[in-house]
C-alpha cells in the first residue's frame, strides 16, 4: 500500500509556580511550587505527585517505555517542560532524549505563548532560542518540523521563523487550518511560504484522544483515507494525526490502545514514517511525486489553530477565538459552560489586552537598561537562554559560561538582572490560562505571579528613575484587574447572546472559586507576590488590601478533575 502514516505528540506542562524566589539573574530561577497532591492511574498503576505538574512529569517514564517501540512518531517538548523533567525526573529525561534522537525531534516555541499575539521582537527572540535549544536533538537533519503552540499561525509568523534557520521546515497544523484549492493536495507534500505544511486529520486524532473509537474503529477510520488514484499511480501519500502527549494518560488503557492502533495499521501494510521524513523522501526522489507536488502552494488561514471552539466557526475553519474571548470573525464576545455554569469569556479580552500592555512595558524597561549598558540587546537576550535553561545546556556540554552570555553586553554583570526579568515576562505568557473557560485556575495564578515578580524587579532596578512609575502603574493594573471593565469600556463590545458583556457577566466571571479569599485570581496572585516583595515606600501600594486574602489557592481546571485530588473542592496550596 502507498499510504503512509505519521503521528505527532506535543508535550507541555506550564508548571505549578506560585512564587519566584529572588535572584540576581546569574543563575537559573528558583521558585516555590504549589503543594496540592494528586494521583492519576496508568495501566492500573497509581502515579502520584505533589501537584499536577509533578504527576504528569512522573508519568512520562511510562510513556517513554511505550513509545520506544514505535516508528513514524515525531515529538516536541516545550523547553521549560523539558527543563522541569530534567530537574525532577532525570531518568525519564534521559529516556526521552534517546527517544527524540531516534524519532524526529520537533522544535517548538519556549514557554508556550500564542506566538502571533506577541510582538515581532519576542517572536524573533523565541524562534532563535527554539532552534538553539533543539540543536543537540536535530543535528544536521535537512528537513525538520516546527510546532507552534496551539498551532496558532500567521504567514508573518511563519516567515519570521523560517528566516532564522537554514533548514527546510514542515509546520505541523490541523486540516481545519488549511485552504485546499485542488483535491490532489490532500495528504500530499505542500508548500507554505518557503516551508512545507501538513494538517492533522482532526477527527481521528480527537477520536483517539477522547476515546470515542475503539482500536478497530481507529484502524478502519485511518484506512478509510485510502486514495485509489494515488495508489494506482504508485504515489505515496501521508495520513497525519497529532495529539497532546498527555492524551496517552486519558484513561489507564490509553497507552495500550495507541500501541494496538499502530500495530493494526502495520498489519494492513501501512508504513509509519514522520511527516518530515515523508517530505524529505519526496524532495530526494525516493518517493514518487505527483506532477508539481512539493510545489503546490497550500493556503493557511491566518490566526487559525488546532484547538479552537469549532462550534463558533462561521467558515468551517478554526481561529484563535478561544484565547481572545470573542469571535475573531465578527468581534462578538461569547460564553462557555463549565459544570452547568455559564461563564462569559469577556475576562479573556481583558487578560489578553493587559498582558500585551505588560509585555510592552517589560520590553521597554529591559531594552532601556541594556541600551544604557551599551549591549547588543537582541543577541544578549538570545544568549540568556543559556542561563535560564542552564541545566539543560550543561547536560549537552554546550557553552553556558558568564563570559559567553555577557559578551554582547560588554561583560556588564548588571545585564544578568535584565535578562532574568525579560525571561520571567516570557514565562508569564503561557497560553493555557486563556485555553480554559474559568479564570480562577492554577495556570492563571502562575502567569500573574511571575509577571508581578518581573514588574517588581523592574521597580527595584529603576529605583530613583522616572521610569519606575511606569512599572508601578503596570503592577497596579494587575491588582485592579476588576476595574478594567470600566477603564476599557468593555461593556460596549458586541456579544453573541446579548448578555456576555454586561457588568454582571464580568463580575460573575471574575468571582473567586476558593473559600478563603474575596479577590479575583489576578489580584490575588499579584498581592501574593507583593506581600513578600514590596518594601519601603512601595509597600504602600498594598497597604489597604486584606493580606489574609493573599492566598495561592485557586479553582480546579475542568480538564484535570479526573485526577484523584486530595482536595477535590479547589486546587489548594499547602504553603
Protein backbone atom coordinates (compact mmCIF):
# COMPACT_ATOMS: atom_id res chain seq x y z
CA UNK A 1 0.00 0.00 0.00
CA UNK A 2 1.22 3.51 -0.85
CA UNK A 3 -0.50 5.01 2.18
CA UNK A 4 1.93 6.23 4.85
CA UNK A 5 1.04 7.23 8.37
CA UNK A 6 2.54 9.66 10.89
CA UNK A 7 1.60 10.69 14.41
CA UNK A 8 2.93 13.68 16.32
CA UNK A 9 2.90 14.12 20.09
CA UNK A 10 3.03 17.56 21.69
CA UNK A 11 4.30 17.64 25.29
CA UNK A 12 3.75 20.65 27.50
CA UNK A 13 3.27 21.38 31.19
CA UNK A 14 3.19 25.02 32.35
CA UNK A 15 4.46 24.17 35.81
CA UNK A 16 2.97 24.93 39.20
CA UNK A 17 4.90 28.06 40.15
CA UNK A 18 3.30 30.14 42.88
CA UNK A 19 6.29 32.37 43.66
CA UNK A 20 9.68 33.04 42.03
CA UNK A 21 12.43 33.49 44.59
CA UNK A 22 14.80 36.45 44.50
CA UNK A 23 17.91 36.27 42.33
CA UNK A 24 20.46 38.43 40.54
CA UNK A 25 19.97 36.73 37.18
CA UNK A 26 23.34 35.00 37.04
CA UNK A 27 21.74 31.62 37.76
CA UNK A 28 18.55 29.82 36.71
CA UNK A 29 15.43 30.84 38.59
CA UNK A 30 14.35 29.09 41.75
CA UNK A 31 10.72 29.03 42.75
CA UNK A 32 8.14 27.84 45.22
CA UNK A 33 5.79 25.19 43.82
CA UNK A 34 2.16 24.57 44.52
CA UNK A 35 1.50 21.80 47.03
CA UNK A 36 -1.77 20.20 46.01
CA UNK A 37 -1.31 16.40 45.93
CA UNK A 38 -2.96 14.45 43.11
CA UNK A 39 -2.72 10.98 41.58
CA UNK A 40 -3.51 9.54 38.16
CA UNK A 41 -3.71 5.92 37.02
CA UNK A 42 -1.73 4.41 34.14
CA UNK A 43 -2.33 0.75 33.27
CA UNK A 44 -3.77 0.30 36.74
CA UNK A 45 -0.71 1.78 38.46
CA UNK A 46 -1.09 4.94 40.53
CA UNK A 47 1.27 7.81 39.75
CA UNK A 48 1.23 10.42 42.49
CA UNK A 49 2.69 13.93 42.55
CA UNK A 50 2.89 16.89 44.91
CA UNK A 51 0.97 18.79 42.23
CA UNK A 52 -0.44 18.20 38.75
CA UNK A 53 2.83 19.06 37.01
CA UNK A 54 4.86 16.59 39.05
CA UNK A 55 2.32 13.81 38.48
CA UNK A 56 2.38 14.42 34.72
CA UNK A 57 6.17 14.51 34.56
CA UNK A 58 6.48 11.31 36.59
CA UNK A 59 4.11 9.65 34.13
CA UNK A 60 6.45 10.40 31.21
CA UNK A 61 8.50 7.36 32.24
CA UNK A 62 5.57 5.09 31.38
CA UNK A 63 5.01 6.92 28.10
CA UNK A 64 8.67 6.66 27.09
CA UNK A 65 8.59 2.92 27.62
CA UNK A 66 5.69 2.54 25.18
CA UNK A 67 6.95 4.98 22.56
CA UNK A 68 10.37 3.32 22.50
CA UNK A 69 8.73 0.53 20.48
CA UNK A 70 7.10 2.88 17.98
CA UNK A 71 8.00 4.01 14.46
CA UNK A 72 6.81 7.03 12.50
CA UNK A 73 6.38 9.17 15.59
CA UNK A 74 7.57 12.74 16.00
CA UNK A 75 7.51 14.73 19.20
CA UNK A 76 8.02 18.21 20.54
CA UNK A 77 8.54 19.04 24.20
CA UNK A 78 8.19 22.66 25.27
CA UNK A 79 11.61 23.72 26.63
CA UNK A 80 10.52 24.71 30.16
CA UNK A 81 8.67 21.38 30.41
CA UNK A 82 11.84 19.60 29.31
CA UNK A 83 13.86 21.52 31.90
CA UNK A 84 11.44 20.52 34.67
CA UNK A 85 11.67 16.89 33.55
CA UNK A 86 15.46 17.08 33.88
CA UNK A 87 15.22 18.61 37.35
CA UNK A 88 12.52 16.36 38.79
CA UNK A 89 12.97 13.05 36.98
CA UNK A 90 16.39 12.80 35.32
CA UNK A 91 15.91 9.15 34.38
CA UNK A 92 12.77 9.94 32.37
CA UNK A 93 14.56 12.95 30.85
CA UNK A 94 17.42 10.76 29.61
CA UNK A 95 15.00 8.20 28.18
CA UNK A 96 13.13 10.99 26.41
CA UNK A 97 16.36 12.37 24.95
CA UNK A 98 17.11 8.95 23.48
CA UNK A 99 13.58 8.77 22.08
CA UNK A 100 13.93 12.16 20.43
CA UNK A 101 17.23 11.15 18.89
CA UNK A 102 15.55 8.08 17.39
CA UNK A 103 12.39 9.88 16.33
CA UNK A 104 12.01 13.26 14.71
CA UNK A 105 12.50 15.88 17.41
CA UNK A 106 10.44 18.93 16.52
CA UNK A 107 11.45 22.40 17.76
CA UNK A 108 8.74 24.40 19.46
CA UNK A 109 8.39 27.86 20.96
CA UNK A 110 9.63 28.17 24.57
CA UNK A 111 7.03 28.97 27.24
CA UNK A 112 4.06 28.04 25.01
CA UNK A 113 2.68 31.51 24.17
CA UNK A 114 0.22 32.20 21.38
CA UNK A 115 3.05 33.35 19.13
CA UNK A 116 1.16 35.62 16.69
CA UNK A 117 -0.23 37.50 19.70
CA UNK A 118 3.31 38.55 20.64
CA UNK A 119 5.27 41.49 19.28
CA UNK A 120 7.64 40.56 16.45
CA UNK A 121 10.58 41.33 18.74
CA UNK A 122 9.57 38.49 21.08
CA UNK A 123 8.72 36.24 18.14
CA UNK A 124 12.27 36.56 16.81
CA UNK A 125 13.91 36.01 20.19
CA UNK A 126 11.83 32.92 20.91
CA UNK A 127 12.32 31.43 17.44
CA UNK A 128 16.10 31.76 17.73
CA UNK A 129 16.03 30.21 21.19
CA UNK A 130 13.87 27.32 19.97
CA UNK A 131 16.42 26.35 17.32
CA UNK A 132 19.32 26.79 19.74
CA UNK A 133 17.58 24.68 22.39
CA UNK A 134 16.81 21.86 19.96
CA UNK A 135 20.18 21.91 18.19
CA UNK A 136 21.53 18.86 20.12
CA UNK A 137 18.45 16.87 19.06
CA UNK A 138 18.00 17.84 15.40
CA UNK A 139 21.68 17.75 14.43
CA UNK A 140 22.30 18.03 10.71
CA UNK A 141 18.85 16.91 9.53
CA UNK A 142 17.99 18.94 6.41
CA UNK A 143 14.21 18.80 6.99
CA UNK A 144 12.73 19.42 10.44
CA UNK A 145 9.29 20.07 11.81
CA UNK A 146 8.10 23.09 13.75
CA UNK A 147 5.29 23.17 16.29
CA UNK A 148 3.67 26.47 17.17
CA UNK A 149 1.79 26.41 20.50
CA UNK A 150 -1.85 25.50 19.86
CA UNK A 151 -0.77 25.56 16.18
CA UNK A 152 -1.81 29.24 16.00
CA UNK A 153 -0.10 30.61 12.92
CA UNK A 154 0.02 33.55 10.55
CA UNK A 155 2.04 33.88 7.38
CA UNK A 156 4.10 36.63 9.01
CA UNK A 157 4.93 34.41 12.00
CA UNK A 158 5.92 31.59 9.64
CA UNK A 159 8.17 33.96 7.68
CA UNK A 160 9.92 35.11 10.85
CA UNK A 161 10.60 31.55 11.98
CA UNK A 162 11.81 30.23 8.63
CA UNK A 163 14.11 33.25 8.19
CA UNK A 164 16.07 32.18 11.28
CA UNK A 165 17.15 28.71 10.12
CA UNK A 166 18.85 27.26 7.06
CA UNK A 167 16.83 24.04 7.34
CA UNK A 168 13.66 23.22 5.45
CA UNK A 169 10.70 23.45 7.84
CA UNK A 170 7.46 21.49 8.00
CA UNK A 171 4.79 23.32 10.00
CA UNK A 172 2.54 20.78 11.72
CA UNK A 173 -1.03 22.05 11.80
CA UNK A 174 -4.66 20.90 11.68
CA UNK A 175 -6.57 20.22 8.46
CA UNK A 176 -9.19 22.79 9.53
CA UNK A 177 -6.50 25.46 9.12
CA UNK A 178 -5.72 24.55 5.52
CA UNK A 179 -7.33 26.09 2.44
CA UNK A 180 -7.35 23.40 -0.24
CA UNK A 181 -7.53 24.71 -3.80
CA UNK A 182 -7.48 21.30 -5.51
CA UNK A 183 -8.05 17.74 -4.28
CA UNK A 184 -4.59 16.43 -5.23
CA UNK A 185 -3.13 18.50 -2.40
CA UNK A 186 -4.86 16.33 0.20
CA UNK A 187 -2.26 14.19 2.03
CA UNK A 188 0.48 15.41 -0.33
CA UNK A 189 3.71 17.36 0.04
CA UNK A 190 2.59 21.01 0.02
CA UNK A 191 4.43 24.31 0.30
CA UNK A 192 3.55 27.16 2.63
CA UNK A 193 5.60 30.33 2.31
CA UNK A 194 9.15 28.95 1.94
CA UNK A 195 8.38 25.88 4.03
CA UNK A 196 6.05 22.87 3.94
CA UNK A 197 2.88 22.11 5.84
CA UNK A 198 0.77 19.16 6.99
CA UNK A 199 -2.62 19.30 8.66
CA UNK A 200 -3.64 16.55 11.05
CA UNK A 201 -6.81 14.57 10.49
CA UNK A 202 -8.60 16.03 13.47
CA UNK A 203 -11.50 13.57 13.51
CA UNK A 204 -9.26 10.55 14.05
CA UNK A 205 -6.92 12.48 16.34
CA UNK A 206 -9.76 13.50 18.63
CA UNK A 207 -11.33 10.05 18.49
CA UNK A 208 -8.14 8.67 19.99
CA UNK A 209 -7.57 11.49 22.47
CA UNK A 210 -11.16 11.45 23.77
CA UNK A 211 -11.69 7.69 23.48
CA UNK A 212 -14.70 7.80 21.13
CA UNK A 213 -13.50 4.95 18.87
CA UNK A 214 -12.15 1.56 19.84
CA UNK A 215 -8.94 0.23 18.30
CA UNK A 216 -10.65 -1.37 15.31
CA UNK A 217 -12.58 1.83 14.76
CA UNK A 218 -9.35 3.84 14.74
CA UNK A 219 -7.73 1.46 12.27
CA UNK A 220 -10.78 1.49 9.99
CA UNK A 221 -11.07 5.28 10.14
CA UNK A 222 -7.43 5.64 9.14
CA UNK A 223 -7.69 3.14 6.29
CA UNK A 224 -10.81 4.92 5.00
CA UNK A 225 -8.50 7.63 3.64
CA UNK A 226 -7.12 5.23 1.04
CA UNK A 227 -6.58 7.19 -2.19
CA UNK A 228 -7.14 4.83 -5.12
CA UNK A 229 -5.91 7.42 -7.63
CA UNK A 230 -2.54 7.76 -5.94
CA UNK A 231 -2.38 4.03 -5.27
CA UNK A 232 -2.80 3.32 -8.99
CA UNK A 233 -0.14 5.88 -9.87
CA UNK A 234 2.27 4.45 -7.29
CA UNK A 235 2.46 7.82 -5.50
CA UNK A 236 2.93 7.67 -1.70
CA UNK A 237 0.64 9.87 0.40
CA UNK A 238 0.57 10.59 4.12
CA UNK A 239 -2.19 10.41 6.71
CA UNK A 240 -1.13 12.62 9.62
CA UNK A 241 -2.59 12.70 13.12
CA UNK A 242 -1.48 14.53 16.25
CA UNK A 243 -2.39 14.84 19.92
CA UNK A 244 -1.07 16.04 23.24
CA UNK A 245 1.34 13.58 24.83
CA UNK A 246 -1.00 13.66 27.82
CA UNK A 247 -3.69 12.06 25.63
CA UNK A 248 -1.86 8.82 26.40
CA UNK A 249 -2.95 9.30 30.01
CA UNK A 250 -6.66 9.95 29.43
CA UNK A 251 -7.51 6.58 30.95
CA UNK A 252 -5.46 3.62 32.22
CA UNK A 253 -5.76 1.79 28.86
CA UNK A 254 -4.72 4.62 26.52
CA UNK A 255 -1.12 3.50 26.08
CA UNK A 256 -2.25 0.03 25.08
CA UNK A 257 -4.88 1.50 22.71
CA UNK A 258 -2.25 3.54 20.92
CA UNK A 259 0.08 0.55 20.56
CA UNK A 260 -2.73 -1.64 19.20
CA UNK A 261 -3.78 1.09 16.75
CA UNK A 262 -0.26 1.37 15.36
CA UNK A 263 0.10 -2.42 15.10
CA UNK A 264 -3.25 -2.61 13.32
CA UNK A 265 -2.09 -0.17 10.66
CA UNK A 266 1.18 -2.01 10.19
CA UNK A 267 -0.62 -5.34 9.73
CA UNK A 268 -2.57 -3.70 6.90
CA UNK A 269 0.61 -2.74 5.08
CA UNK A 270 0.73 0.93 6.13
CA UNK A 271 4.29 2.17 6.62
CA UNK A 272 4.79 4.55 9.53
CA UNK A 273 7.13 7.48 8.92
CA UNK A 274 7.14 11.04 10.23
CA UNK A 275 5.79 13.97 8.23
CA UNK A 276 9.32 15.34 7.97
CA UNK A 277 10.71 12.07 6.64
CA UNK A 278 7.86 11.95 4.13
CA UNK A 279 8.80 15.42 2.83
CA UNK A 280 12.49 14.52 2.77
CA UNK A 281 11.85 11.41 0.68
CA UNK A 282 9.62 13.36 -1.69
CA UNK A 283 12.29 16.02 -2.18
CA UNK A 284 15.07 13.46 -2.65
CA UNK A 285 13.12 11.46 -5.22
CA UNK A 286 12.88 8.33 -3.05
CA UNK A 287 9.11 8.77 -3.13
CA UNK A 288 7.37 9.33 -6.45
CA UNK A 289 5.66 12.71 -6.73
CA UNK A 290 2.55 13.90 -8.47
CA UNK A 291 3.24 16.46 -11.17
CA UNK A 292 4.07 19.65 -9.29
CA UNK A 293 3.99 18.00 -5.85
CA UNK A 294 6.10 19.81 -3.23
CA UNK A 295 5.49 22.94 -5.30
CA UNK A 296 1.76 23.08 -4.53
CA UNK A 297 1.16 26.26 -2.52
CA UNK A 298 -1.14 25.46 0.38
CA UNK A 299 -3.18 28.32 1.78
CA UNK A 300 -3.37 28.53 5.57
CA UNK A 301 -5.89 30.67 7.41
CA UNK A 302 -4.19 33.36 9.49
CA UNK A 303 -4.81 33.07 13.24
CA UNK A 304 -6.21 29.56 12.89
CA UNK A 305 -5.39 26.85 15.46
CA UNK A 306 -5.78 23.17 16.22
CA UNK A 307 -7.93 23.56 19.35
CA UNK A 308 -10.37 26.42 18.89
CA UNK A 309 -14.06 26.30 19.82
CA UNK A 310 -15.11 24.80 16.50
CA UNK A 311 -18.82 25.24 17.22
CA UNK A 312 -18.30 29.01 16.88
CA UNK A 313 -16.82 28.75 13.39
CA UNK A 314 -18.62 30.58 10.59
CA UNK A 315 -16.48 29.21 7.74
CA UNK A 316 -15.71 25.61 8.70
CA UNK A 317 -12.20 26.64 9.74
CA UNK A 318 -10.70 27.32 13.13
CA UNK A 319 -9.43 30.60 14.58
CA UNK A 320 -7.87 31.91 17.80
CA UNK A 321 -11.22 32.96 19.28
CA UNK A 322 -10.72 30.61 22.22
CA UNK A 323 -7.86 32.77 23.52
CA UNK A 324 -9.39 36.12 22.59
CA UNK A 325 -12.75 35.71 24.31
CA UNK A 326 -14.55 37.00 21.24
CA UNK A 327 -15.14 35.51 17.81
CA UNK A 328 -12.50 36.92 15.50
CA UNK A 329 -14.88 36.79 12.53
CA UNK A 330 -17.34 39.32 13.97
CA UNK A 331 -15.87 40.56 17.26
CA UNK A 332 -18.71 39.16 19.39
CA UNK A 333 -17.97 38.07 22.96
CA UNK A 334 -19.34 34.61 23.79
CA UNK A 335 -19.95 32.36 26.78
CA UNK A 336 -18.93 28.82 27.64
CA UNK A 337 -20.29 26.40 30.21
CA UNK A 338 -18.41 24.65 33.00
CA UNK A 339 -20.33 22.20 35.17
CA UNK A 340 -23.59 23.87 34.19
CA UNK A 341 -22.27 27.36 34.95
CA UNK A 342 -22.45 29.89 32.12
CA UNK A 343 -19.25 31.95 32.06
CA UNK A 344 -18.77 34.99 29.85
CA UNK A 345 -15.38 34.89 28.15
CA UNK A 346 -15.07 38.67 28.43
CA UNK A 347 -12.35 38.13 31.03
CA UNK A 348 -10.12 36.79 28.23
CA UNK A 349 -10.49 40.06 26.34
CA UNK A 350 -9.13 41.95 29.34
CA UNK A 351 -6.49 39.33 30.18
CA UNK A 352 -5.16 39.38 26.60
CA UNK A 353 -5.04 43.16 26.36
CA UNK A 354 -3.49 43.53 29.80
CA UNK A 355 -0.66 41.10 29.09
CA UNK A 356 0.02 42.75 25.74
CA UNK A 357 0.49 46.03 27.62
CA UNK A 358 2.61 44.41 30.32
CA UNK A 359 4.83 42.75 27.72
CA UNK A 360 5.45 46.14 26.10
CA UNK A 361 6.21 47.68 29.48
CA UNK A 362 8.70 44.95 30.39
CA UNK A 363 10.36 45.18 26.97
CA UNK A 364 10.70 48.95 27.27
CA UNK A 365 12.37 48.69 30.67
CA UNK A 366 14.70 45.84 29.73
CA UNK A 367 15.80 47.44 26.45
CA UNK A 368 16.30 50.80 28.17
CA UNK A 369 18.56 49.14 30.71
CA UNK A 370 20.52 47.22 28.09
CA UNK A 371 21.00 50.34 25.94
CA UNK A 372 22.44 52.11 28.98
CA UNK A 373 24.92 49.23 29.28
CA UNK A 374 25.86 49.54 25.61
CA UNK A 375 24.63 45.99 24.93
CA UNK A 376 23.54 44.30 21.73
CA UNK A 377 20.12 43.62 23.23
CA UNK A 378 18.83 41.00 20.79
CA UNK A 379 21.96 38.89 20.89
CA UNK A 380 22.20 39.09 24.67
CA UNK A 381 18.56 38.11 25.18
CA UNK A 382 19.01 35.08 22.93
CA UNK A 383 22.16 34.03 24.78
CA UNK A 384 20.45 34.48 28.14
CA UNK A 385 18.60 31.24 27.38
CA UNK A 386 21.90 29.56 28.27
CA UNK A 387 21.39 30.89 31.82
CA UNK A 388 17.66 30.27 32.12
CA UNK A 389 17.94 26.70 30.76
CA UNK A 390 21.48 26.17 32.07
CA UNK A 391 20.99 22.63 33.41
CA UNK A 392 19.72 21.51 30.01
CA UNK A 393 22.57 23.10 28.08
CA UNK A 394 25.12 21.76 30.57
CA UNK A 395 23.73 18.25 30.04
CA UNK A 396 24.66 18.51 26.36
CA UNK A 397 28.01 20.17 27.04
CA UNK A 398 27.05 23.47 25.42
CA UNK A 399 28.58 26.82 26.35
CA UNK A 400 26.96 28.43 29.41
CA UNK A 401 29.81 30.50 30.86
CA UNK A 402 29.16 34.06 32.10
CA UNK A 403 31.73 35.34 29.61
CA UNK A 404 29.81 33.82 26.70
CA UNK A 405 26.42 35.09 27.86
CA UNK A 406 27.66 38.59 28.73
CA UNK A 407 29.80 39.10 25.63
CA UNK A 408 27.03 41.04 23.79
CA UNK A 409 26.63 43.18 26.94
CA UNK A 410 30.33 44.09 27.11
CA UNK A 411 30.75 41.88 30.16
CA UNK A 412 28.44 44.05 32.28
CA UNK A 413 27.12 41.87 35.12
CA UNK A 414 24.07 44.12 35.60
CA UNK A 415 22.73 42.70 32.33
CA UNK A 416 22.05 39.40 34.09
CA UNK A 417 19.24 41.01 36.08
CA UNK A 418 17.67 42.45 32.94
CA UNK A 419 17.88 39.09 31.18
CA UNK A 420 16.20 37.43 34.14
CA UNK A 421 13.36 39.99 34.15
CA UNK A 422 12.80 39.57 30.41
CA UNK A 423 12.64 35.78 30.68
CA UNK A 424 10.27 35.99 33.64
CA UNK A 425 7.93 38.01 31.42
CA UNK A 426 8.23 35.39 28.67
CA UNK A 427 7.50 32.67 31.23
CA UNK A 428 4.35 34.60 32.22
CA UNK A 429 2.90 34.26 28.71
CA UNK A 430 1.80 30.62 28.83
CA UNK A 431 -1.27 30.20 26.63
CA UNK A 432 -3.13 27.88 28.98
CA UNK A 433 -4.94 30.41 31.24
CA UNK A 434 -6.91 31.55 28.20
CA UNK A 435 -7.40 27.98 26.98
CA UNK A 436 -9.72 27.16 29.87
CA UNK A 437 -13.14 28.68 30.36
CA UNK A 438 -12.84 29.70 34.01
CA UNK A 439 -10.39 32.38 35.09
CA UNK A 440 -9.69 31.08 38.59
CA UNK A 441 -7.10 28.39 37.80
CA UNK A 442 -3.62 27.43 38.91
CA UNK A 443 -2.23 28.40 35.49
CA UNK A 444 -3.72 31.90 35.57
CA UNK A 445 -2.28 32.35 39.06
CA UNK A 446 1.13 31.22 37.82
CA UNK A 447 1.22 33.63 34.87
CA UNK A 448 0.21 36.60 37.02
CA UNK A 449 2.57 35.70 39.86
CA UNK A 450 5.57 35.55 37.53
CA UNK A 451 4.61 38.75 35.71
CA UNK A 452 4.16 40.56 39.03
CA UNK A 453 7.64 39.42 40.04
CA UNK A 454 9.12 40.81 36.82
CA UNK A 455 7.42 44.17 37.33
CA UNK A 456 8.53 44.47 40.96
CA UNK A 457 12.12 43.67 39.98
CA UNK A 458 11.96 46.43 37.35
CA UNK A 459 10.66 48.82 40.03
CA UNK A 460 13.73 47.98 42.08
CA UNK A 461 16.15 48.15 39.14
CA UNK A 462 14.93 51.63 38.19
CA UNK A 463 14.62 52.91 41.77
CA UNK A 464 15.09 56.68 41.67
CA UNK A 465 14.34 56.88 37.95
CA UNK A 466 11.27 58.47 36.38
CA UNK A 467 10.66 55.13 34.68
CA UNK A 468 9.84 53.48 37.99
CA UNK A 469 6.33 54.94 37.96
CA UNK A 470 5.61 53.10 34.70
CA UNK A 471 6.23 49.72 36.35
CA UNK A 472 4.26 50.71 39.44
CA UNK A 473 1.29 51.61 37.26
CA UNK A 474 1.58 48.28 35.42
CA UNK A 475 1.60 46.34 38.69
CA UNK A 476 -1.47 48.25 39.87
CA UNK A 477 -3.28 47.12 36.70
CA UNK A 478 -2.92 43.56 37.97
CA UNK A 479 -4.18 44.46 41.43
CA UNK A 480 -7.11 46.38 39.94
CA UNK A 481 -8.00 43.88 37.22
CA UNK A 482 -11.69 44.12 38.10
CA UNK A 483 -11.72 47.85 37.27
CA UNK A 484 -10.54 47.30 33.70
CA UNK A 485 -14.16 46.68 32.72
CA UNK A 486 -14.92 50.38 33.08
CA UNK A 487 -11.46 51.69 32.22
CA UNK A 488 -11.53 49.99 28.82
CA UNK A 489 -15.31 50.29 28.31
CA UNK A 490 -15.62 46.54 27.78
CA UNK A 491 -19.38 46.74 28.16
CA UNK A 492 -19.56 48.41 24.74
CA UNK A 493 -18.33 45.29 22.96
CA UNK A 494 -20.92 43.30 20.97
CA UNK A 495 -21.93 39.91 22.32
CA UNK A 496 -23.30 36.73 20.83
CA UNK A 497 -26.38 36.40 23.04
CA UNK A 498 -26.72 39.94 24.36
CA UNK A 499 -25.63 39.44 27.99
CA UNK A 500 -21.96 38.42 27.85
CA UNK A 501 -20.57 41.97 28.07
CA UNK A 502 -22.77 43.22 30.89
CA UNK A 503 -21.19 44.16 34.22
CA UNK A 504 -22.90 41.26 35.99
CA UNK A 505 -21.43 38.81 33.46
CA UNK A 506 -18.00 40.36 34.01
CA UNK A 507 -18.18 40.15 37.80
CA UNK A 508 -19.53 36.59 37.71
CA UNK A 509 -16.60 35.52 35.52
CA UNK A 510 -14.12 37.06 38.00
CA UNK A 511 -15.75 35.56 41.08
CA UNK A 512 -13.20 33.64 43.20
CA UNK A 513 -13.63 29.86 43.34
CA UNK A 514 -11.92 29.44 46.71
CA UNK A 515 -13.47 29.87 50.17
CA UNK A 516 -10.58 31.79 51.73
CA UNK A 517 -10.30 34.92 49.56
CA UNK A 518 -12.63 37.57 48.22
CA UNK A 519 -10.22 38.69 45.49
CA UNK A 520 -10.22 37.52 41.88
CA UNK A 521 -7.27 35.33 40.94
CA UNK A 522 -5.39 38.11 39.10
CA UNK A 523 -5.46 40.45 42.09
CA UNK A 524 -4.83 37.52 44.42
CA UNK A 525 -1.66 36.42 42.61
CA UNK A 526 -0.30 39.97 42.31
CA UNK A 527 -0.96 40.52 46.01
CA UNK A 528 0.62 37.17 46.93
CA UNK A 529 3.89 38.33 45.36
CA UNK A 530 3.60 41.93 46.51
CA UNK A 531 3.14 40.91 50.14
CA UNK A 532 6.53 39.20 50.04
CA UNK A 533 8.48 41.56 47.81
CA UNK A 534 7.29 45.15 48.21
CA UNK A 535 9.46 47.05 50.67
CA UNK A 536 9.82 50.60 51.91
CA UNK A 537 7.50 53.13 50.30
CA UNK A 538 6.47 50.58 47.66
CA UNK A 539 4.76 48.66 50.45
CA UNK A 540 2.10 51.38 50.47
CA UNK A 541 0.81 50.03 47.14
CA UNK A 542 -0.89 47.18 49.00
CA UNK A 543 -1.48 48.93 52.32
CA UNK A 544 -5.28 48.97 52.03
CA UNK A 545 -5.65 45.34 50.91
CA UNK A 546 -6.66 42.45 53.14
CA UNK A 547 -3.44 40.43 53.14
CA UNK A 548 -5.22 37.44 54.70
CA UNK A 549 -6.84 37.03 51.28
CA UNK A 550 -3.45 36.91 49.52
CA UNK A 551 -3.56 33.13 49.08
CA UNK A 552 -2.33 30.88 46.26
CA UNK A 553 -5.38 28.60 46.31
CA UNK A 554 -7.39 28.51 43.05
CA UNK A 555 -10.27 26.71 41.42
CA UNK A 556 -9.69 23.43 39.60
CA UNK A 557 -9.11 23.24 35.85
CA UNK A 558 -12.04 21.40 34.18
CA UNK A 559 -9.67 19.15 32.21
CA UNK A 560 -7.94 17.96 35.38
CA UNK A 561 -10.89 16.94 37.54
CA UNK A 562 -10.40 13.27 36.57
CA UNK A 563 -7.30 13.27 38.77
CA UNK A 564 -7.57 11.85 42.27
CA UNK A 565 -7.05 15.11 44.17
CA UNK A 566 -6.66 15.08 47.93
CA UNK A 567 -8.72 18.28 47.87
CA UNK A 568 -11.41 17.88 45.22
CA UNK A 569 -13.16 21.15 46.05
CA UNK A 570 -10.39 23.52 44.97
CA UNK A 571 -6.74 23.50 43.92
CA UNK A 572 -5.10 24.40 47.19
CA UNK A 573 -1.57 25.41 48.08
CA UNK A 574 -0.39 23.95 51.34
CA UNK A 575 2.19 26.65 51.88
